[in-house]
Amino acid sequence: SWISRINLVAALFSSPPFPAAVGSQRRFVRPILPAAPS
């Protein structure tokens, strides 16, 4: 019950990620995950 409720709230609060920062080097950078609710 806790698992399903936490995952539901996490999904409801997860806005689509922003693109990763762009730099001059070709390094992998994880996308930025917004904390604001969708």
PDB file of all heavy atoms in Angstrom:
ATOM      1  N   SER A   1       0.830  -1.193   0.000  1.00  0.00           N
ATOM      2  CA  SER A   1       0.000   0.000   0.000  1.00  0.00           C
ATOM      3  C   SER A   1       0.873   1.255   0.000  1.00  0.00           C
ATOM      4  O   SER A   1       0.635   2.198  -0.766  1.00  0.00           O
ATOM      5  CB  SER A   1      -0.912  -0.005   1.230  1.00  0.00           C
ATOM      6  OG  SER A   1      -1.625   1.204   1.312  1.00  0.00           O
ATOM      7  N   TRP A   2       1.901   1.267   0.848  1.00  0.00           N
ATOM      8  CA  TRP A   2       2.827   2.404   0.886  1.00  0.00           C
ATOM      9  C   TRP A   2       3.535   2.565  -0.457  1.00  0.00           C
ATOM     10  O   TRP A   2       3.678   3.680  -0.961  1.00  0.00           O
ATOM     11  CB  TRP A   2       3.853   2.222   2.006  1.00  0.00           C
ATOM     12  CG  TRP A   2       3.379   2.741   3.314  1.00  0.00           C
ATOM     13  CD1 TRP A   2       2.751   2.042   4.302  1.00  0.00           C
ATOM     14  CD2 TRP A   2       3.469   4.081   3.775  1.00  0.00           C
ATOM     15  NE1 TRP A   2       2.457   2.870   5.354  1.00  0.00           N
ATOM     16  CE2 TRP A   2       2.893   4.131   5.063  1.00  0.00           C
ATOM     17  CE3 TRP A   2       3.984   5.251   3.244  1.00  0.00           C
ATOM     18  CZ2 TRP A   2       2.819   5.306   5.795  1.00  0.00           C
ATOM     19  CZ3 TRP A   2       3.903   6.423   3.983  1.00  0.00           C
ATOM     20  CH2 TRP A   2       3.327   6.429   5.247  1.00  0.00           C
ATOM     21  N   ILE A   3       3.995   1.463  -1.022  1.00  0.00           N
ATOM     22  CA  ILE A   3       4.713   1.525  -2.305  1.00  0.00           C
ATOM     23  C   ILE A   3       3.824   2.142  -3.377  1.00  0.00           C
ATOM     24  O   ILE A   3       4.241   3.066  -4.093  1.00  0.00           O
ATOM     25  CB  ILE A   3       5.204   0.124  -2.718  1.00  0.00           C
ATOM     26  CG1 ILE A   3       6.352  -0.325  -1.811  1.00  0.00           C
ATOM     27  CG2 ILE A   3       5.650   0.114  -4.174  1.00  0.00           C
ATOM     28  CD1 ILE A   3       6.764  -1.774  -2.006  1.00  0.00           C
ATOM     29  N   SER A   4       2.589   1.658  -3.486  1.00  0.00           N
ATOM     30  CA  SER A   4       1.716   2.181  -4.546  1.00  0.00           C
ATOM     31  C   SER A   4       1.349   3.639  -4.301  1.00  0.00           C
ATOM     32  O   SER A   4       1.306   4.435  -5.248  1.00  0.00           O
ATOM     33  CB  SER A   4       0.466   1.312  -4.683  1.00  0.00           C
ATOM     34  OG  SER A   4      -0.324   1.383  -3.532  1.00  0.00           O
ATOM     35  N   ARG A   5       1.115   4.023  -3.060  1.00  0.00           N
ATOM     36  CA  ARG A   5       0.760   5.416  -2.776  1.00  0.00           C
ATOM     37  C   ARG A   5       1.939   6.358  -3.006  1.00  0.00           C
ATOM     38  O   ARG A   5       1.772   7.452  -3.547  1.00  0.00           O
ATOM     39  CB  ARG A   5       0.256   5.553  -1.348  1.00  0.00           C
ATOM     40  CG  ARG A   5      -1.105   4.922  -1.175  1.00  0.00           C
ATOM     41  CD  ARG A   5      -1.525   4.875   0.256  1.00  0.00           C
ATOM     42  NE  ARG A   5      -2.701   4.044   0.401  1.00  0.00           N
ATOM     43  CZ  ARG A   5      -3.703   4.317   1.206  1.00  0.00           C
ATOM     44  NH1 ARG A   5      -3.658   5.394   1.955  1.00  0.00           N
ATOM     45  NH2 ARG A   5      -4.727   3.513   1.278  1.00  0.00           N
ATOM     46  N   ILE A   6       3.124   5.941  -2.590  1.00  0.00           N
ATOM     47  CA  ILE A   6       4.308   6.786  -2.821  1.00  0.00           C
ATOM     48  C   ILE A   6       4.550   6.953  -4.312  1.00  0.00           C
ATOM     49  O   ILE A   6       4.809   8.053  -4.796  1.00  0.00           O
ATOM     50  CB  ILE A   6       5.548   6.195  -2.113  1.00  0.00           C
ATOM     51  CG1 ILE A   6       5.413   6.348  -0.597  1.00  0.00           C
ATOM     52  CG2 ILE A   6       6.826   6.862  -2.619  1.00  0.00           C
ATOM     53  CD1 ILE A   6       6.472   5.613   0.194  1.00  0.00           C
ATOM     54  N   ASN A   7       4.442   5.858  -5.074  1.00  0.00           N
ATOM     55  CA  ASN A   7       4.673   5.949  -6.518  1.00  0.00           C
ATOM     56  C   ASN A   7       3.613   6.800  -7.205  1.00  0.00           C
ATOM     57  O   ASN A   7       3.916   7.532  -8.152  1.00  0.00           O
ATOM     58  CB  ASN A   7       4.755   4.555  -7.137  1.00  0.00           C
ATOM     59  CG  ASN A   7       6.069   3.875  -6.803  1.00  0.00           C
ATOM     60  OD1 ASN A   7       7.066   4.520  -6.524  1.00  0.00           O
ATOM     61  ND2 ASN A   7       6.062   2.567  -6.821  1.00  0.00           N
ATOM     62  N   LEU A   8       2.384   6.739  -6.727  1.00  0.00           N
ATOM     63  CA  LEU A   8       1.326   7.579  -7.295  1.00  0.00           C
ATOM     64  C   LEU A   8       1.631   9.052  -7.046  1.00  0.00           C
ATOM     65  O   LEU A   8       1.596   9.876  -7.968  1.00  0.00           O
ATOM     66  CB  LEU A   8      -0.034   7.219  -6.700  1.00  0.00           C
ATOM     67  CG  LEU A   8      -1.191   8.129  -7.112  1.00  0.00           C
ATOM     68  CD1 LEU A   8      -1.450   8.022  -8.609  1.00  0.00           C
ATOM     69  CD2 LEU A   8      -2.437   7.802  -6.316  1.00  0.00           C
ATOM     70  N   VAL A   9       1.965   9.392  -5.813  1.00  0.00           N
ATOM     71  CA  VAL A   9       2.288  10.784  -5.491  1.00  0.00           C
ATOM     72  C   VAL A   9       3.538  11.229  -6.244  1.00  0.00           C
ATOM     73  O   VAL A   9       3.597  12.344  -6.777  1.00  0.00           O
ATOM     74  CB  VAL A   9       2.462  10.968  -3.960  1.00  0.00           C
ATOM     75  CG1 VAL A   9       3.016  12.342  -3.629  1.00  0.00           C
ATOM     76  CG2 VAL A   9       1.135  10.736  -3.253  1.00  0.00           C
ATOM     77  N   ALA A  10       4.530  10.347  -6.341  1.00  0.00           N
ATOM     78  CA  ALA A  10       5.748  10.693  -7.083  1.00  0.00           C
ATOM     79  C   ALA A  10       5.407  10.987  -8.543  1.00  0.00           C
ATOM     80  O   ALA A  10       5.925  11.948  -9.126  1.00  0.00           O
ATOM     81  CB  ALA A  10       6.763   9.558  -6.987  1.00  0.00           C
ATOM     82  N   ALA A  11       4.551  10.180  -9.129  1.00  0.00           N
ATOM     83  CA  ALA A  11       4.169  10.414 -10.524  1.00  0.00           C
ATOM     84  C   ALA A  11       3.397  11.725 -10.676  1.00  0.00           C
ATOM     85  O   ALA A  11       3.624  12.479 -11.626  1.00  0.00           O
ATOM     86  CB  ALA A  11       3.337   9.248 -11.041  1.00  0.00           C
ATOM     87  N   LEU A  12       2.510  12.009  -9.734  1.00  0.00           N
ATOM     88  CA  LEU A  12       1.735  13.241  -9.814  1.00  0.00           C
ATOM     89  C   LEU A  12       2.602  14.483  -9.620  1.00  0.00           C
ATOM     90  O   LEU A  12       2.304  15.549 -10.144  1.00  0.00           O
ATOM     91  CB  LEU A  12       0.609  13.230  -8.778  1.00  0.00           C
ATOM     92  CG  LEU A  12      -0.508  12.217  -9.038  1.00  0.00           C
ATOM     93  CD1 LEU A  12      -1.468  12.179  -7.859  1.00  0.00           C
ATOM     94  CD2 LEU A  12      -1.253  12.544 -10.321  1.00  0.00           C
ATOM     95  N   PHE A  13       3.682  14.357  -8.864  1.00  0.00           N
ATOM     96  CA  PHE A  13       4.545  15.499  -8.575  1.00  0.00           C
ATOM     97  C   PHE A  13       5.737  15.595  -9.524  1.00  0.00           C
ATOM     98  O   PHE A  13       6.567  16.469  -9.373  1.00  0.00           O
ATOM     99  CB  PHE A  13       5.056  15.439  -7.132  1.00  0.00           C
ATOM    100  CG  PHE A  13       4.099  16.041  -6.153  1.00  0.00           C
ATOM    101  CD1 PHE A  13       3.030  15.310  -5.688  1.00  0.00           C
ATOM    102  CD2 PHE A  13       4.261  17.339  -5.713  1.00  0.00           C
ATOM    103  CE1 PHE A  13       2.129  15.858  -4.798  1.00  0.00           C
ATOM    104  CE2 PHE A  13       3.361  17.900  -4.819  1.00  0.00           C
ATOM    105  CZ  PHE A  13       2.284  17.152  -4.365  1.00  0.00           C
ATOM    106  N   SER A  14       5.847  14.689 -10.477  1.00  0.00           N
ATOM    107  CA  SER A  14       7.019  14.658 -11.348  1.00  0.00           C
ATOM    108  C   SER A  14       6.741  15.360 -12.671  1.00  0.00           C
ATOM    109  O   SER A  14       6.111  14.801 -13.562  1.00  0.00           O
ATOM    110  CB  SER A  14       7.456  13.213 -11.599  1.00  0.00           C
ATOM    111  OG  SER A  14       7.809  12.600 -10.387  1.00  0.00           O
ATOM    112  N   SER A  15       7.220  16.569 -12.777  1.00  0.00           N
ATOM    113  CA  SER A  15       7.126  17.300 -14.035  1.00  0.00           C
ATOM    114  C   SER A  15       8.159  16.741 -14.999  1.00  0.00           C
ATOM    115  O   SER A  15       9.173  16.185 -14.571  1.00  0.00           O
ATOM    116  CB  SER A  15       7.414  18.783 -13.805  1.00  0.00           C
ATOM    117  OG  SER A  15       6.443  19.339 -12.955  1.00  0.00           O
ATOM    118  N   PRO A  16       7.924  16.879 -16.298  1.00  0.00           N
ATOM    119  CA  PRO A  16       8.920  16.389 -17.254  1.00  0.00           C
ATOM    120  C   PRO A  16      10.276  17.045 -17.010  1.00  0.00           C
ATOM    121  O   PRO A  16      10.344  18.215 -16.636  1.00  0.00           O
ATOM    122  CB  PRO A  16       8.350  16.801 -18.615  1.00  0.00           C
ATOM    123  CG  PRO A  16       6.891  16.976 -18.382  1.00  0.00           C
ATOM    124  CD  PRO A  16       6.755  17.433 -16.962  1.00  0.00           C
ATOM    125  N   PRO A  17      11.360  16.299 -17.213  1.00  0.00           N
ATOM    126  CA  PRO A  17      12.690  16.860 -16.959  1.00  0.00           C
ATOM    127  C   PRO A  17      13.051  17.958 -17.951  1.00  0.00           C
ATOM    128  O   PRO A  17      12.585  17.959 -19.084  1.00  0.00           O
ATOM    129  CB  PRO A  17      13.629  15.664 -17.114  1.00  0.00           C
ATOM    130  CG  PRO A  17      12.851  14.598 -17.759  1.00  0.00           C
ATOM    131  CD  PRO A  17      11.409  14.915 -17.629  1.00  0.00           C
ATOM    132  N   PHE A  18      13.868  18.879 -17.470  1.00  0.00           N
ATOM    133  CA  PHE A  18      14.427  19.897 -18.347  1.00  0.00           C
ATOM    134  C   PHE A  18      15.608  19.278 -19.079  1.00  0.00           C
ATOM    135  O   PHE A  18      16.244  18.360 -18.561  1.00  0.00           O
ATOM    136  CB  PHE A  18      14.924  21.105 -17.538  1.00  0.00           C
ATOM    137  CG  PHE A  18      13.841  21.808 -16.774  1.00  0.00           C
ATOM    138  CD1 PHE A  18      13.923  21.938 -15.400  1.00  0.00           C
ATOM    139  CD2 PHE A  18      12.742  22.350 -17.423  1.00  0.00           C
ATOM    140  CE1 PHE A  18      12.937  22.595 -14.683  1.00  0.00           C
ATOM    141  CE2 PHE A  18      11.750  23.004 -16.711  1.00  0.00           C
ATOM    142  CZ  PHE A  18      11.852  23.124 -15.343  1.00  0.00           C
ATOM    143  N   PRO A  19      15.945  19.779 -20.255  1.00  0.00           N
ATOM    144  CA  PRO A  19      17.136  19.258 -20.931  1.00  0.00           C
ATOM    145  C   PRO A  19      18.379  19.521 -20.093  1.00  0.00           C
ATOM    146  O   PRO A  19      18.431  20.469 -19.312  1.00  0.00           O
ATOM    147  CB  PRO A  19      17.195  20.047 -22.239  1.00  0.00           C
ATOM    148  CG  PRO A  19      15.876  20.711 -22.382  1.00  0.00           C
ATOM    149  CD  PRO A  19      15.260  20.792 -21.017  1.00  0.00           C
ATOM    150  N   ALA A  20      19.359  18.665 -20.262  1.00  0.00           N
ATOM    151  CA  ALA A  20      20.618  18.832 -19.533  1.00  0.00           C
ATOM    152  C   ALA A  20      21.306  20.112 -19.994  1.00  0.00           C
ATOM    153  O   ALA A  20      21.065  20.602 -21.094  1.00  0.00           O
ATOM    154  CB  ALA A  20      21.527  17.632 -19.778  1.00  0.00           C
ATOM    155  N   ALA A  21      22.150  20.624 -19.123  1.00  0.00           N
ATOM    156  CA  ALA A  21      22.912  21.820 -19.463  1.00  0.00           C
ATOM    157  C   ALA A  21      23.811  21.538 -20.662  1.00  0.00           C
ATOM    158  O   ALA A  21      24.333  20.441 -20.822  1.00  0.00           O
ATOM    159  CB  ALA A  21      23.740  22.253 -18.266  1.00  0.00           C
ATOM    160  N   VAL A  22      23.985  22.534 -21.497  1.00  0.00           N
ATOM    161  CA  VAL A  22      24.813  22.399 -22.684  1.00  0.00           C
ATOM    162  C   VAL A  22      26.171  23.011 -22.391  1.00  0.00           C
ATOM    163  O   VAL A  22      26.271  24.095 -21.842  1.00  0.00           O
ATOM    164  CB  VAL A  22      24.163  23.111 -23.896  1.00  0.00           C
ATOM    165  CG1 VAL A  22      25.049  23.018 -25.114  1.00  0.00           C
ATOM    166  CG2 VAL A  22      22.794  22.528 -24.164  1.00  0.00           C
ATOM    167  N   GLY A  23      27.208  22.283 -22.749  1.00  0.00           N
ATOM    168  CA  GLY A  23      28.561  22.773 -22.537  1.00  0.00           C
ATOM    169  C   GLY A  23      29.391  22.590 -23.784  1.00  0.00           C
ATOM    170  O   GLY A  23      28.950  22.003 -24.773  1.00  0.00           O
ATOM    171  N   SER A  24      30.601  23.058 -23.730  1.00  0.00           N
ATOM    172  CA  SER A  24      31.474  22.945 -24.891  1.00  0.00           C
ATOM    173  C   SER A  24      32.085  21.544 -24.996  1.00  0.00           C
ATOM    174  O   SER A  24      32.549  21.157 -26.057  1.00  0.00           O
ATOM    175  CB  SER A  24      32.588  24.000 -24.817  1.00  0.00           C
ATOM    176  OG  SER A  24      33.341  23.804 -23.638  1.00  0.00           O
ATOM    177  N   GLN A  25      32.076  20.790 -23.891  1.00  0.00           N
ATOM    178  CA  GLN A  25      32.615  19.441 -23.923  1.00  0.00           C
ATOM    179  C   GLN A  25      31.489  18.456 -24.198  1.00  0.00           C
ATOM    180  O   GLN A  25      30.334  18.719 -23.886  1.00  0.00           O
ATOM    181  CB  GLN A  25      33.287  19.106 -22.593  1.00  0.00           C
ATOM    182  CG  GLN A  25      34.441  20.012 -22.277  1.00  0.00           C
ATOM    183  CD  GLN A  25      35.026  19.680 -20.914  1.00  0.00           C
ATOM    184  OE1 GLN A  25      34.499  18.857 -20.187  1.00  0.00           O
ATOM    185  NE2 GLN A  25      36.123  20.334 -20.588  1.00  0.00           N
ATOM    186  N   ARG A  26      31.824  17.315 -24.756  1.00  0.00           N
ATOM    187  CA  ARG A  26      30.813  16.312 -25.072  1.00  0.00           C
ATOM    188  C   ARG A  26      30.677  15.330 -23.912  1.00  0.00           C
ATOM    189  O   ARG A  26      30.842  14.142 -24.075  1.00  0.00           O
ATOM    190  CB  ARG A  26      31.200  15.562 -26.339  1.00  0.00           C
ATOM    191  CG  ARG A  26      31.103  16.386 -27.570  1.00  0.00           C
ATOM    192  CD  ARG A  26      31.404  15.597 -28.806  1.00  0.00           C
ATOM    193  NE  ARG A  26      31.311  14.155 -28.584  1.00  0.00           N
ATOM    194  CZ  ARG A  26      31.787  13.232 -29.389  1.00  0.00           C
ATOM    195  NH1 ARG A  26      32.422  13.599 -30.466  1.00  0.00           N
ATOM    196  NH2 ARG A  26      31.671  11.946 -29.121  1.00  0.00           N
ATOM    197  N   ARG A  27      30.400  15.838 -22.742  1.00  0.00           N
ATOM    198  CA  ARG A  27      30.229  14.997 -21.563  1.00  0.00           C
ATOM    199  C   ARG A  27      28.758  14.705 -21.380  1.00  0.00           C
ATOM    200  O   ARG A  27      27.902  15.511 -21.703  1.00  0.00           O
ATOM    201  CB  ARG A  27      30.738  15.711 -20.316  1.00  0.00           C
ATOM    202  CG  ARG A  27      32.222  15.878 -20.270  1.00  0.00           C
ATOM    203  CD  ARG A  27      32.679  16.527 -18.980  1.00  0.00           C
ATOM    204  NE  ARG A  27      31.990  15.947 -17.828  1.00  0.00           N
ATOM    205  CZ  ARG A  27      31.557  16.649 -16.796  1.00  0.00           C
ATOM    206  NH1 ARG A  27      31.735  17.938 -16.754  1.00  0.00           N
ATOM    207  NH2 ARG A  27      30.953  16.058 -15.786  1.00  0.00           N
ATOM    208  N   PHE A  28      28.473  13.550 -20.773  1.00  0.00           N
ATOM    209  CA  PHE A  28      27.097  13.225 -20.431  1.00  0.00           C
ATOM    210  C   PHE A  28      26.723  13.965 -19.149  1.00  0.00           C
ATOM    211  O   PHE A  28      27.437  13.933 -18.162  1.00  0.00           O
ATOM    212  CB  PHE A  28      26.922  11.716 -20.225  1.00  0.00           C
ATOM    213  CG  PHE A  28      25.598  11.370 -19.629  1.00  0.00           C
ATOM    214  CD1 PHE A  28      24.441  11.478 -20.381  1.00  0.00           C
ATOM    215  CD2 PHE A  28      25.486  10.976 -18.307  1.00  0.00           C
ATOM    216  CE1 PHE A  28      23.206  11.196 -19.831  1.00  0.00           C
ATOM    217  CE2 PHE A  28      24.254  10.680 -17.746  1.00  0.00           C
ATOM    218  CZ  PHE A  28      23.112  10.790 -18.512  1.00  0.00           C
ATOM    219  N   VAL A  29      25.586  14.628 -19.170  1.00  0.00           N
ATOM    220  CA  VAL A  29      25.058  15.329 -18.000  1.00  0.00           C
ATOM    221  C   VAL A  29      23.604  14.913 -17.855  1.00  0.00           C
ATOM    222  O   VAL A  29      22.835  14.981 -18.828  1.00  0.00           O
ATOM    223  CB  VAL A  29      25.168  16.862 -18.153  1.00  0.00           C
ATOM    224  CG1 VAL A  29      24.605  17.568 -16.943  1.00  0.00           C
ATOM    225  CG2 VAL A  29      26.606  17.270 -18.404  1.00  0.00           C
ATOM    226  N   ARG A  30      23.242  14.474 -16.659  1.00  0.00           N
ATOM    227  CA  ARG A  30      21.850  14.072 -16.421  1.00  0.00           C
ATOM    228  C   ARG A  30      20.919  15.267 -16.587  1.00  0.00           C
ATOM    229  O   ARG A  30      21.277  16.390 -16.251  1.00  0.00           O
ATOM    230  CB  ARG A  30      21.687  13.525 -15.005  1.00  0.00           C
ATOM    231  CG  ARG A  30      22.367  12.205 -14.825  1.00  0.00           C
ATOM    232  CD  ARG A  30      22.193  11.553 -13.480  1.00  0.00           C
ATOM    233  NE  ARG A  30      21.377  12.226 -12.502  1.00  0.00           N
ATOM    234  CZ  ARG A  30      21.544  12.114 -11.202  1.00  0.00           C
ATOM    235  NH1 ARG A  30      22.487  11.361 -10.711  1.00  0.00           N
ATOM    236  NH2 ARG A  30      20.759  12.740 -10.359  1.00  0.00           N
ATOM    237  N   PRO A  31      19.696  15.025 -17.083  1.00  0.00           N
ATOM    238  CA  PRO A  31      18.727  16.121 -17.185  1.00  0.00           C
ATOM    239  C   PRO A  31      18.392  16.676 -15.802  1.00  0.00           C
ATOM    240  O   PRO A  31      18.542  15.991 -14.793  1.00  0.00           O
ATOM    241  CB  PRO A  31      17.492  15.464 -17.803  1.00  0.00           C
ATOM    242  CG  PRO A  31      17.953  14.181 -18.367  1.00  0.00           C
ATOM    243  CD  PRO A  31      19.183  13.781 -17.618  1.00  0.00           C
ATOM    244  N   ILE A  32      17.898  17.874 -15.778  1.00  0.00           N
ATOM    245  CA  ILE A  32      17.515  18.526 -14.527  1.00  0.00           C
ATOM    246  C   ILE A  32      16.074  18.137 -14.214  1.00  0.00           C
ATOM    247  O   ILE A  32      15.181  18.298 -15.046  1.00  0.00           O
ATOM    248  CB  ILE A  32      17.653  20.049 -14.655  1.00  0.00           C
ATOM    249  CG1 ILE A  32      19.099  20.401 -14.991  1.00  0.00           C
ATOM    250  CG2 ILE A  32      17.178  20.752 -13.395  1.00  0.00           C
ATOM    251  CD1 ILE A  32      19.287  21.811 -15.505  1.00  0.00           C
ATOM    252  N   LEU A  33      15.857  17.610 -13.011  1.00  0.00           N
ATOM    253  CA  LEU A  33      14.519  17.181 -12.608  1.00  0.00           C
ATOM    254  C   LEU A  33      13.874  18.268 -11.769  1.00  0.00           C
ATOM    255  O   LEU A  33      14.326  18.557 -10.667  1.00  0.00           O
ATOM    256  CB  LEU A  33      14.601  15.876 -11.811  1.00  0.00           C
ATOM    257  CG  LEU A  33      15.235  14.706 -12.558  1.00  0.00           C
ATOM    258  CD1 LEU A  33      15.387  13.505 -11.641  1.00  0.00           C
ATOM    259  CD2 LEU A  33      14.421  14.349 -13.776  1.00  0.00           C
ATOM    260  N   PRO A  34      12.817  18.899 -12.278  1.00  0.00           N
ATOM    261  CA  PRO A  34      12.188  19.985 -11.531  1.00  0.00           C
ATOM    262  C   PRO A  34      11.481  19.463 -10.285  1.00  0.00           C
ATOM    263  O   PRO A  34      10.894  18.384 -10.288  1.00  0.00           O
ATOM    264  CB  PRO A  34      11.183  20.573 -12.524  1.00  0.00           C
ATOM    265  CG  PRO A  34      10.942  19.491 -13.511  1.00  0.00           C
ATOM    266  CD  PRO A  34      12.172  18.646 -13.552  1.00  0.00           C
ATOM    267  N   ALA A  35      11.549  20.225  -9.213  1.00  0.00           N
ATOM    268  CA  ALA A  35      10.897  19.841  -7.959  1.00  0.00           C
ATOM    269  C   ALA A  35       9.466  20.349  -7.893  1.00  0.00           C
ATOM    270  O   ALA A  35       8.705  19.923  -7.032  1.00  0.00           O
ATOM    271  CB  ALA A  35      11.695  20.381  -6.772  1.00  0.00           C
ATOM    272  N   ALA A  36       9.088  21.228  -8.797  1.00  0.00           N
ATOM    273  CA  ALA A  36       7.722  21.770  -8.793  1.00  0.00           C
ATOM    274  C   ALA A  36       6.746  20.700  -9.272  1.00  0.00           C
ATOM    275  O   ALA A  36       7.053  19.953 -10.194  1.00  0.00           O
ATOM    276  CB  ALA A  36       7.648  22.989  -9.696  1.00  0.00           C
ATOM    277  N   PRO A  37       5.582  20.638  -8.637  1.00  0.00           N
ATOM    278  CA  PRO A  37       4.575  19.659  -9.092  1.00  0.00           C
ATOM    279  C   PRO A  37       4.130  19.949 -10.520  1.00  0.00           C
ATOM    280  O   PRO A  37       4.142  21.083 -10.973  1.00  0.00           O
ATOM    281  CB  PRO A  37       3.407  19.850  -8.128  1.00  0.00           C
ATOM    282  CG  PRO A  37       3.916  20.669  -7.008  1.00  0.00           C
ATOM    283  CD  PRO A  37       5.127  21.406  -7.492  1.00  0.00           C
ATOM    284  N   SER A  38       3.742  18.907 -11.207  1.00  0.00           N
ATOM    285  CA  SER A  38       3.251  19.058 -12.566  1.00  0.00           C
ATOM    286  C   SER A  38       1.892  19.745 -12.550  1.00  0.00           C
ATOM    287  O   SER A  38       1.083  19.521 -11.657  1.00  0.00           O
ATOM    288  CB  SER A  38       3.122  17.691 -13.228  1.00  0.00           C
ATOM    289  OG  SER A  38       2.576  17.840 -14.512  1.00  0.00           O
TER     290      SER A  38
END
